[in-house]
PDB file of all heavy atoms in Angstrom:
ATOM      1  N   ALA A   1     162.856  86.457 160.517  1.00  0.00           N
ATOM      2  CA  ALA A   1     162.721  87.487 159.464  1.00  0.00           C
ATOM      3  C   ALA A   1     161.316  88.090 159.448  1.00  0.00           C
ATOM      4  O   ALA A   1     160.312  87.412 159.678  1.00  0.00           O
ATOM      5  CB  ALA A   1     163.040  86.882 158.120  1.00  0.00           C
ATOM      6  N   ASN A   2     161.307  89.356 159.142  1.00  0.00           N
ATOM      7  CA  ASN A   2     160.051  90.096 158.897  1.00  0.00           C
ATOM      8  C   ASN A   2     159.311  89.489 157.730  1.00  0.00           C
ATOM      9  O   ASN A   2     159.915  88.793 156.893  1.00  0.00           O
ATOM     10  CB  ASN A   2     160.361  91.568 158.684  1.00  0.00           C
ATOM     11  CG  ASN A   2     159.203  92.478 158.929  1.00  0.00           C
ATOM     12  OD1 ASN A   2     158.119  92.044 159.231  1.00  0.00           O
ATOM     13  ND2 ASN A   2     159.426  93.774 158.797  1.00  0.00           N
ATOM     14  N   LEU A   3     158.026  89.796 157.608  1.00  0.00           N
ATOM     15  CA  LEU A   3     157.185  89.204 156.573  1.00  0.00           C
ATOM     16  C   LEU A   3     155.887  89.988 156.431  1.00  0.00           C
ATOM     17  O   LEU A   3     155.596  90.834 157.294  1.00  0.00           O
ATOM     18  CB  LEU A   3     156.862  87.740 156.942  1.00  0.00           C
ATOM     19  CG  LEU A   3     155.903  87.497 158.133  1.00  0.00           C
ATOM     20  CD1 LEU A   3     155.357  86.083 158.076  1.00  0.00           C
ATOM     21  CD2 LEU A   3     156.599  87.718 159.507  1.00  0.00           C
ATOM     22  N   ASP A   4     155.172  89.740 155.387  1.00  0.00           N
ATOM     23  CA  ASP A   4     153.790  90.227 155.374  1.00  0.00           C
ATOM     24  C   ASP A   4     153.035  89.575 156.514  1.00  0.00           C
ATOM     25  O   ASP A   4     153.076  88.358 156.684  1.00  0.00           O
ATOM     26  CB  ASP A   4     153.116  89.843 154.053  1.00  0.00           C
ATOM     27  CG  ASP A   4     153.583  90.701 152.890  1.00  0.00           C
ATOM     28  OD1 ASP A   4     153.025  91.794 152.726  1.00  0.00           O
ATOM     29  OD2 ASP A   4     154.509  90.261 152.168  1.00  0.00           O
ATOM     30  N   GLU A   5     152.353  90.416 157.300  1.00  0.00           N
ATOM     31  CA  GLU A   5     151.709  89.899 158.489  1.00  0.00           C
ATOM     32  C   GLU A   5     150.797  88.709 158.200  1.00  0.00           C
ATOM     33  O   GLU A   5     149.941  88.797 157.317  1.00  0.00           O
ATOM     34  CB  GLU A   5     150.902  91.037 159.154  1.00  0.00           C
ATOM     35  CG  GLU A   5     150.495  90.762 160.561  1.00  0.00           C
ATOM     36  CD  GLU A   5     150.017  92.069 161.254  1.00  0.00           C
ATOM     37  OE1 GLU A   5     150.423  93.151 160.813  1.00  0.00           O
ATOM     38  OE2 GLU A   5     149.273  91.943 162.226  1.00  0.00           O
ATOM     39  N   PHE A   6     151.018  87.609 158.924  1.00  0.00           N
ATOM     40  CA  PHE A   6     150.330  86.358 158.697  1.00  0.00           C
ATOM     41  C   PHE A   6     150.487  85.831 157.261  1.00  0.00           C
ATOM     42  O   PHE A   6     149.701  85.038 156.806  1.00  0.00           O
ATOM     43  CB  PHE A   6     148.849  86.472 159.056  1.00  0.00           C
ATOM     44  CG  PHE A   6     148.593  86.555 160.528  1.00  0.00           C
ATOM     45  CD1 PHE A   6     148.186  87.774 161.121  1.00  0.00           C
ATOM     46  CD2 PHE A   6     148.763  85.486 161.362  1.00  0.00           C
ATOM     47  CE1 PHE A   6     148.014  87.867 162.484  1.00  0.00           C
ATOM     48  CE2 PHE A   6     148.550  85.546 162.725  1.00  0.00           C
ATOM     49  CZ  PHE A   6     148.181  86.759 163.308  1.00  0.00           C
ATOM     50  N   ALA A   7     151.502  86.318 156.572  1.00  0.00           N
ATOM     51  CA  ALA A   7     151.821  85.910 155.180  1.00  0.00           C
ATOM     52  C   ALA A   7     150.712  86.326 154.211  1.00  0.00           C
ATOM     53  O   ALA A   7     150.531  85.693 153.178  1.00  0.00           O
ATOM     54  CB  ALA A   7     152.081  84.409 155.119  1.00  0.00           C
ATOM     55  N   PHE A   8     150.021  87.433 154.532  1.00  0.00           N
ATOM     56  CA  PHE A   8     148.993  87.945 153.636  1.00  0.00           C
ATOM     57  C   PHE A   8     149.648  88.832 152.592  1.00  0.00           C
ATOM     58  O   PHE A   8     149.989  90.007 152.891  1.00  0.00           O
ATOM     59  CB  PHE A   8     147.966  88.802 154.412  1.00  0.00           C
ATOM     60  CG  PHE A   8     147.130  88.045 155.419  1.00  0.00           C
ATOM     61  CD1 PHE A   8     146.471  88.747 156.413  1.00  0.00           C
ATOM     62  CD2 PHE A   8     147.025  86.683 155.402  1.00  0.00           C
ATOM     63  CE1 PHE A   8     145.684  88.089 157.364  1.00  0.00           C
ATOM     64  CE2 PHE A   8     146.234  86.005 156.346  1.00  0.00           C
ATOM     65  CZ  PHE A   8     145.585  86.726 157.326  1.00  0.00           C
ATOM     66  N   GLY A   9     149.842  88.397 151.369  1.00  0.00           N
ATOM     67  CA  GLY A   9     150.227  89.287 150.312  1.00  0.00           C
ATOM     68  C   GLY A   9     151.701  89.363 149.932  1.00  0.00           C
ATOM     69  O   GLY A   9     152.516  88.618 150.458  1.00  0.00           O
ATOM     70  N   PHE A  10     152.025  90.321 149.068  1.00  0.00           N
ATOM     71  CA  PHE A  10     153.355  90.493 148.515  1.00  0.00           C
ATOM     72  C   PHE A  10     154.000  91.834 148.872  1.00  0.00           C
ATOM     73  O   PHE A  10     155.025  92.215 148.293  1.00  0.00           O
ATOM     74  CB  PHE A  10     153.329  90.348 146.984  1.00  0.00           C
ATOM     75  CG  PHE A  10     152.900  89.004 146.518  1.00  0.00           C
ATOM     76  CD1 PHE A  10     152.093  88.897 145.380  1.00  0.00           C
ATOM     77  CD2 PHE A  10     153.269  87.827 147.137  1.00  0.00           C
ATOM     78  CE1 PHE A  10     151.683  87.659 144.900  1.00  0.00           C
ATOM     79  CE2 PHE A  10     152.877  86.610 146.693  1.00  0.00           C
ATOM     80  CZ  PHE A  10     152.065  86.501 145.561  1.00  0.00           C
ATOM     81  N   GLY A  11     153.407  92.588 149.794  1.00  0.00           N
ATOM     82  CA  GLY A  11     153.889  93.953 150.033  1.00  0.00           C
ATOM     83  C   GLY A  11     155.083  94.040 150.962  1.00  0.00           C
ATOM     84  O   GLY A  11     155.866  94.977 150.892  1.00  0.00           O
ATOM     85  N   GLY A  12     155.228  93.058 151.913  1.00  0.00           N
ATOM     86  CA  GLY A  12     156.409  93.033 152.760  1.00  0.00           C
ATOM     87  C   GLY A  12     156.305  93.856 154.012  1.00  0.00           C
ATOM     88  O   GLY A  12     157.333  94.306 154.523  1.00  0.00           O
ATOM     89  N   ALA A  13     155.111  94.060 154.573  1.00  0.00           N
ATOM     90  CA  ALA A  13     154.978  94.875 155.773  1.00  0.00           C
ATOM     91  C   ALA A  13     154.226  94.109 156.865  1.00  0.00           C
ATOM     92  O   ALA A  13     153.298  93.332 156.584  1.00  0.00           O
ATOM     93  CB  ALA A  13     154.241  96.164 155.475  1.00  0.00           C
ATOM     94  N   SER A  14     154.631  94.358 158.104  1.00  0.00           N
ATOM     95  CA  SER A  14     153.915  93.802 159.256  1.00  0.00           C
ATOM     96  C   SER A  14     153.847  94.865 160.330  1.00  0.00           C
ATOM     97  O   SER A  14     154.664  95.758 160.420  1.00  0.00           O
ATOM     98  CB  SER A  14     154.629  92.569 159.791  1.00  0.00           C
ATOM     99  OG  SER A  14     155.839  92.921 160.429  1.00  0.00           O
ATOM    100  N   ALA A  15     152.789  94.745 161.176  1.00  0.00           N
ATOM    101  CA  ALA A  15     152.626  95.707 162.268  1.00  0.00           C
ATOM    102  C   ALA A  15     153.799  95.608 163.252  1.00  0.00           C
ATOM    103  O   ALA A  15     154.172  96.581 163.887  1.00  0.00           O
ATOM    104  CB  ALA A  15     151.285  95.487 162.960  1.00  0.00           C
ATOM    105  N   LEU A  16     154.353  94.404 163.413  1.00  0.00           N
ATOM    106  CA  LEU A  16     155.423  94.204 164.381  1.00  0.00           C
ATOM    107  C   LEU A  16     156.795  94.611 163.850  1.00  0.00           C
ATOM    108  O   LEU A  16     157.596  95.209 164.538  1.00  0.00           O
ATOM    109  CB  LEU A  16     155.472  92.730 164.801  1.00  0.00           C
ATOM    110  CG  LEU A  16     156.346  92.382 165.987  1.00  0.00           C
ATOM    111  CD1 LEU A  16     155.915  93.137 167.251  1.00  0.00           C
ATOM    112  CD2 LEU A  16     156.339  90.883 166.257  1.00  0.00           C
ATOM    113  N   GLY A  17     157.054  94.313 162.564  1.00  0.00           N
ATOM    114  CA  GLY A  17     158.372  94.553 162.032  1.00  0.00           C
ATOM    115  C   GLY A  17     158.518  95.742 161.125  1.00  0.00           C
ATOM    116  O   GLY A  17     159.621  96.128 160.771  1.00  0.00           O
ATOM    117  N   GLY A  18     157.382  96.333 160.694  1.00  0.00           N
ATOM    118  CA  GLY A  18     157.490  97.473 159.808  1.00  0.00           C
ATOM    119  C   GLY A  18     157.535  97.044 158.329  1.00  0.00           C
ATOM    120  O   GLY A  18     157.310  95.909 157.994  1.00  0.00           O
ATOM    121  N   GLN A  19     157.890  98.036 157.479  1.00  0.00           N
ATOM    122  CA  GLN A  19     157.927  97.811 156.022  1.00  0.00           C
ATOM    123  C   GLN A  19     159.348  97.406 155.617  1.00  0.00           C
ATOM    124  O   GLN A  19     160.292  98.160 155.772  1.00  0.00           O
ATOM    125  CB  GLN A  19     157.517  99.074 155.272  1.00  0.00           C
ATOM    126  CG  GLN A  19     157.692  99.006 153.759  1.00  0.00           C
ATOM    127  CD  GLN A  19     156.789  97.956 153.144  1.00  0.00           C
ATOM    128  OE1 GLN A  19     155.570  98.014 153.266  1.00  0.00           O
ATOM    129  NE2 GLN A  19     157.390  96.989 152.439  1.00  0.00           N
ATOM    130  N   VAL A  20     159.483  96.206 155.060  1.00  0.00           N
ATOM    131  CA  VAL A  20     160.763  95.743 154.521  1.00  0.00           C
ATOM    132  C   VAL A  20     161.057  96.527 153.237  1.00  0.00           C
ATOM    133  O   VAL A  20     160.184  96.856 152.439  1.00  0.00           O
ATOM    134  CB  VAL A  20     160.735  94.241 154.227  1.00  0.00           C
ATOM    135  CG1 VAL A  20     162.072  93.761 153.671  1.00  0.00           C
ATOM    136  CG2 VAL A  20     160.375  93.479 155.493  1.00  0.00           C
ATOM    137  N   SER A  21     162.359  96.801 153.013  1.00  0.00           N
ATOM    138  CA  SER A  21     162.773  97.532 151.811  1.00  0.00           C
ATOM    139  C   SER A  21     163.450  96.558 150.845  1.00  0.00           C
ATOM    140  O   SER A  21     163.998  95.530 151.215  1.00  0.00           O
ATOM    141  CB  SER A  21     163.801  98.635 152.182  1.00  0.00           C
ATOM    142  OG  SER A  21     163.208  99.617 152.971  1.00  0.00           O
ATOM    143  N   ASN A  22     163.418  96.956 149.565  1.00  0.00           N
ATOM    144  CA  ASN A  22     164.170  96.244 148.527  1.00  0.00           C
ATOM    145  C   ASN A  22     165.622  96.662 148.667  1.00  0.00           C
ATOM    146  O   ASN A  22     165.944  97.861 148.687  1.00  0.00           O
ATOM    147  CB  ASN A  22     163.614  96.658 147.159  1.00  0.00           C
ATOM    148  CG  ASN A  22     164.239  95.882 146.025  1.00  0.00           C
ATOM    149  OD1 ASN A  22     165.431  95.808 145.892  1.00  0.00           O
ATOM    150  ND2 ASN A  22     163.393  95.283 145.187  1.00  0.00           N
ATOM    151  N   VAL A  23     166.519  95.718 148.739  1.00  0.00           N
ATOM    152  CA  VAL A  23     167.941  96.036 149.017  1.00  0.00           C
ATOM    153  C   VAL A  23     168.632  96.673 147.821  1.00  0.00           C
ATOM    154  O   VAL A  23     169.701  97.270 147.989  1.00  0.00           O
ATOM    155  CB  VAL A  23     168.720  94.788 149.496  1.00  0.00           C
ATOM    156  CG1 VAL A  23     168.077  94.186 150.708  1.00  0.00           C
ATOM    157  CG2 VAL A  23     168.873  93.764 148.385  1.00  0.00           C
ATOM    158  N   TYR A  24     168.083  96.537 146.630  1.00  0.00           N
ATOM    159  CA  TYR A  24     168.679  97.139 145.428  1.00  0.00           C
ATOM    160  C   TYR A  24     168.232  98.587 145.272  1.00  0.00           C
ATOM    161  O   TYR A  24     168.998  99.404 144.770  1.00  0.00           O
ATOM    162  CB  TYR A  24     168.323  96.319 144.193  1.00  0.00           C
ATOM    163  CG  TYR A  24     169.081  95.029 144.121  1.00  0.00           C
ATOM    164  CD1 TYR A  24     168.536  93.867 144.670  1.00  0.00           C
ATOM    165  CD2 TYR A  24     170.340  94.952 143.542  1.00  0.00           C
ATOM    166  CE1 TYR A  24     169.239  92.660 144.645  1.00  0.00           C
ATOM    167  CE2 TYR A  24     171.028  93.758 143.528  1.00  0.00           C
ATOM    168  CZ  TYR A  24     170.478  92.631 144.068  1.00  0.00           C
ATOM    169  OH  TYR A  24     171.193  91.430 144.040  1.00  0.00           O
ATOM    170  N   ASP A  25     167.042  98.883 145.662  1.00  0.00           N
ATOM    171  CA  ASP A  25     166.478 100.237 145.591  1.00  0.00           C
ATOM    172  C   ASP A  25     165.532 100.396 146.755  1.00  0.00           C
ATOM    173  O   ASP A  25     164.440  99.806 146.770  1.00  0.00           O
ATOM    174  CB  ASP A  25     165.753 100.439 144.256  1.00  0.00           C
ATOM    175  CG  ASP A  25     165.219 101.879 144.095  1.00  0.00           C
ATOM    176  OD1 ASP A  25     165.079 102.575 145.088  1.00  0.00           O
ATOM    177  OD2 ASP A  25     164.954 102.266 142.913  1.00  0.00           O
ATOM    178  N   LEU A  26     165.965 101.143 147.763  1.00  0.00           N
ATOM    179  CA  LEU A  26     165.210 101.217 149.007  1.00  0.00           C
ATOM    180  C   LEU A  26     163.816 101.823 148.840  1.00  0.00           C
ATOM    181  O   LEU A  26     162.997 101.743 149.756  1.00  0.00           O
ATOM    182  CB  LEU A  26     165.985 102.014 150.037  1.00  0.00           C
ATOM    183  CG  LEU A  26     167.422 101.515 150.360  1.00  0.00           C
ATOM    184  CD1 LEU A  26     168.080 102.421 151.394  1.00  0.00           C
ATOM    185  CD2 LEU A  26     167.378 100.074 150.865  1.00  0.00           C
ATOM    186  N   THR A  27     163.540 102.440 147.703  1.00  0.00           N
ATOM    187  CA  THR A  27     162.220 103.024 147.465  1.00  0.00           C
ATOM    188  C   THR A  27     161.218 102.028 146.911  1.00  0.00           C
ATOM    189  O   THR A  27     160.027 102.330 146.803  1.00  0.00           O
ATOM    190  CB  THR A  27     162.320 104.221 146.509  1.00  0.00           C
ATOM    191  OG1 THR A  27     162.663 103.737 145.190  1.00  0.00           O
ATOM    192  CG2 THR A  27     163.376 105.215 146.986  1.00  0.00           C
ATOM    193  N   ARG A  28     161.681 100.820 146.530  1.00  0.00           N
ATOM    194  CA  ARG A  28     160.820  99.872 145.865  1.00  0.00           C
ATOM    195  C   ARG A  28     160.435  98.717 146.771  1.00  0.00           C
ATOM    196  O   ARG A  28     161.094  98.443 147.735  1.00  0.00           O
ATOM    197  CB  ARG A  28     161.483  99.356 144.565  1.00  0.00           C
ATOM    198  CG  ARG A  28     161.688 100.440 143.561  1.00  0.00           C
ATOM    199  CD  ARG A  28     162.444  99.950 142.321  1.00  0.00           C
ATOM    200  NE  ARG A  28     162.709 101.073 141.438  1.00  0.00           N
ATOM    201  CZ  ARG A  28     161.914 101.466 140.444  1.00  0.00           C
ATOM    202  NH1 ARG A  28     160.807 100.774 140.193  1.00  0.00           N
ATOM    203  NH2 ARG A  28     162.199 102.521 139.723  1.00  0.00           N
ATOM    204  N   GLY A  29     159.352  98.026 146.390  1.00  0.00           N
ATOM    205  CA  GLY A  29     158.867  96.942 147.189  1.00  0.00           C
ATOM    206  C   GLY A  29     159.779  95.721 147.157  1.00  0.00           C
ATOM    207  O   GLY A  29     160.480  95.495 146.158  1.00  0.00           O
ATOM    208  N   PRO A  30     159.799  94.943 148.251  1.00  0.00           N
ATOM    209  CA  PRO A  30     160.693  93.782 148.325  1.00  0.00           C
ATOM    210  C   PRO A  30     160.050  92.481 147.873  1.00  0.00           C
ATOM    211  O   PRO A  30     160.708  91.444 147.928  1.00  0.00           O
ATOM    212  CB  PRO A  30     160.999  93.706 149.831  1.00  0.00           C
ATOM    213  CG  PRO A  30     159.676  94.139 150.460  1.00  0.00           C
ATOM    214  CD  PRO A  30     159.112  95.198 149.543  1.00  0.00           C
ATOM    215  N   GLY A  31     158.787  92.505 147.483  1.00  0.00           N
ATOM    216  CA  GLY A  31     158.085  91.249 147.294  1.00  0.00           C
ATOM    217  C   GLY A  31     157.744  90.636 148.602  1.00  0.00           C
ATOM    218  O   GLY A  31     158.246  91.008 149.666  1.00  0.00           O
ATOM    219  N   GLY A  32     156.915  89.614 148.590  1.00  0.00           N
ATOM    220  CA  GLY A  32     156.538  88.912 149.806  1.00  0.00           C
ATOM    221  C   GLY A  32     155.927  87.581 149.507  1.00  0.00           C
ATOM    222  O   GLY A  32     155.896  87.155 148.354  1.00  0.00           O
ATOM    223  N   SER A  33     155.448  86.890 150.512  1.00  0.00           N
ATOM    224  CA  SER A  33     155.437  87.383 151.884  1.00  0.00           C
ATOM    225  C   SER A  33     156.710  87.136 152.652  1.00  0.00           C
ATOM    226  O   SER A  33     156.888  87.612 153.762  1.00  0.00           O
ATOM    227  CB  SER A  33     154.254  86.747 152.638  1.00  0.00           C
ATOM    228  OG  SER A  33     154.411  85.352 152.688  1.00  0.00           O
ATOM    229  N   SER A  34     157.636  86.370 152.006  1.00  0.00           N
ATOM    230  CA  SER A  34     158.920  86.090 152.687  1.00  0.00           C
ATOM    231  C   SER A  34     159.894  87.240 152.425  1.00  0.00           C
ATOM    232  O   SER A  34     161.062  87.052 152.023  1.00  0.00           O
ATOM    233  CB  SER A  34     159.501  84.761 152.201  1.00  0.00           C
ATOM    234  OG  SER A  34     158.600  83.704 152.362  1.00  0.00           O
ATOM    235  N   SER A  35     159.450  88.421 152.662  1.00  0.00           N
ATOM    236  CA  SER A  35     160.182  89.641 152.300  1.00  0.00           C
ATOM    237  C   SER A  35     161.418  89.847 153.135  1.00  0.00           C
ATOM    238  O   SER A  35     162.503  90.205 152.618  1.00  0.00           O
ATOM    239  CB  SER A  35     159.269  90.858 152.457  1.00  0.00           C
ATOM    240  OG  SER A  35     158.593  90.844 153.707  1.00  0.00           O
ATOM    241  N   GLY A  36     161.352  89.611 154.447  1.00  0.00           N
ATOM    242  CA  GLY A  36     162.499  89.782 155.285  1.00  0.00           C
ATOM    243  C   GLY A  36     163.590  88.781 155.013  1.00  0.00           C
ATOM    244  O   GLY A  36     164.801  89.117 155.004  1.00  0.00           O
TER     245      GLY A  36
END
């Protein structure tokens, strides 16, 4: 699963996997770092 890169933070984005979306509202953040 995708994640905040090196588990830094709650944003849910990594350079390798991109920005994870919230499945309830694709415009909102998914939380992290276990976002994927």
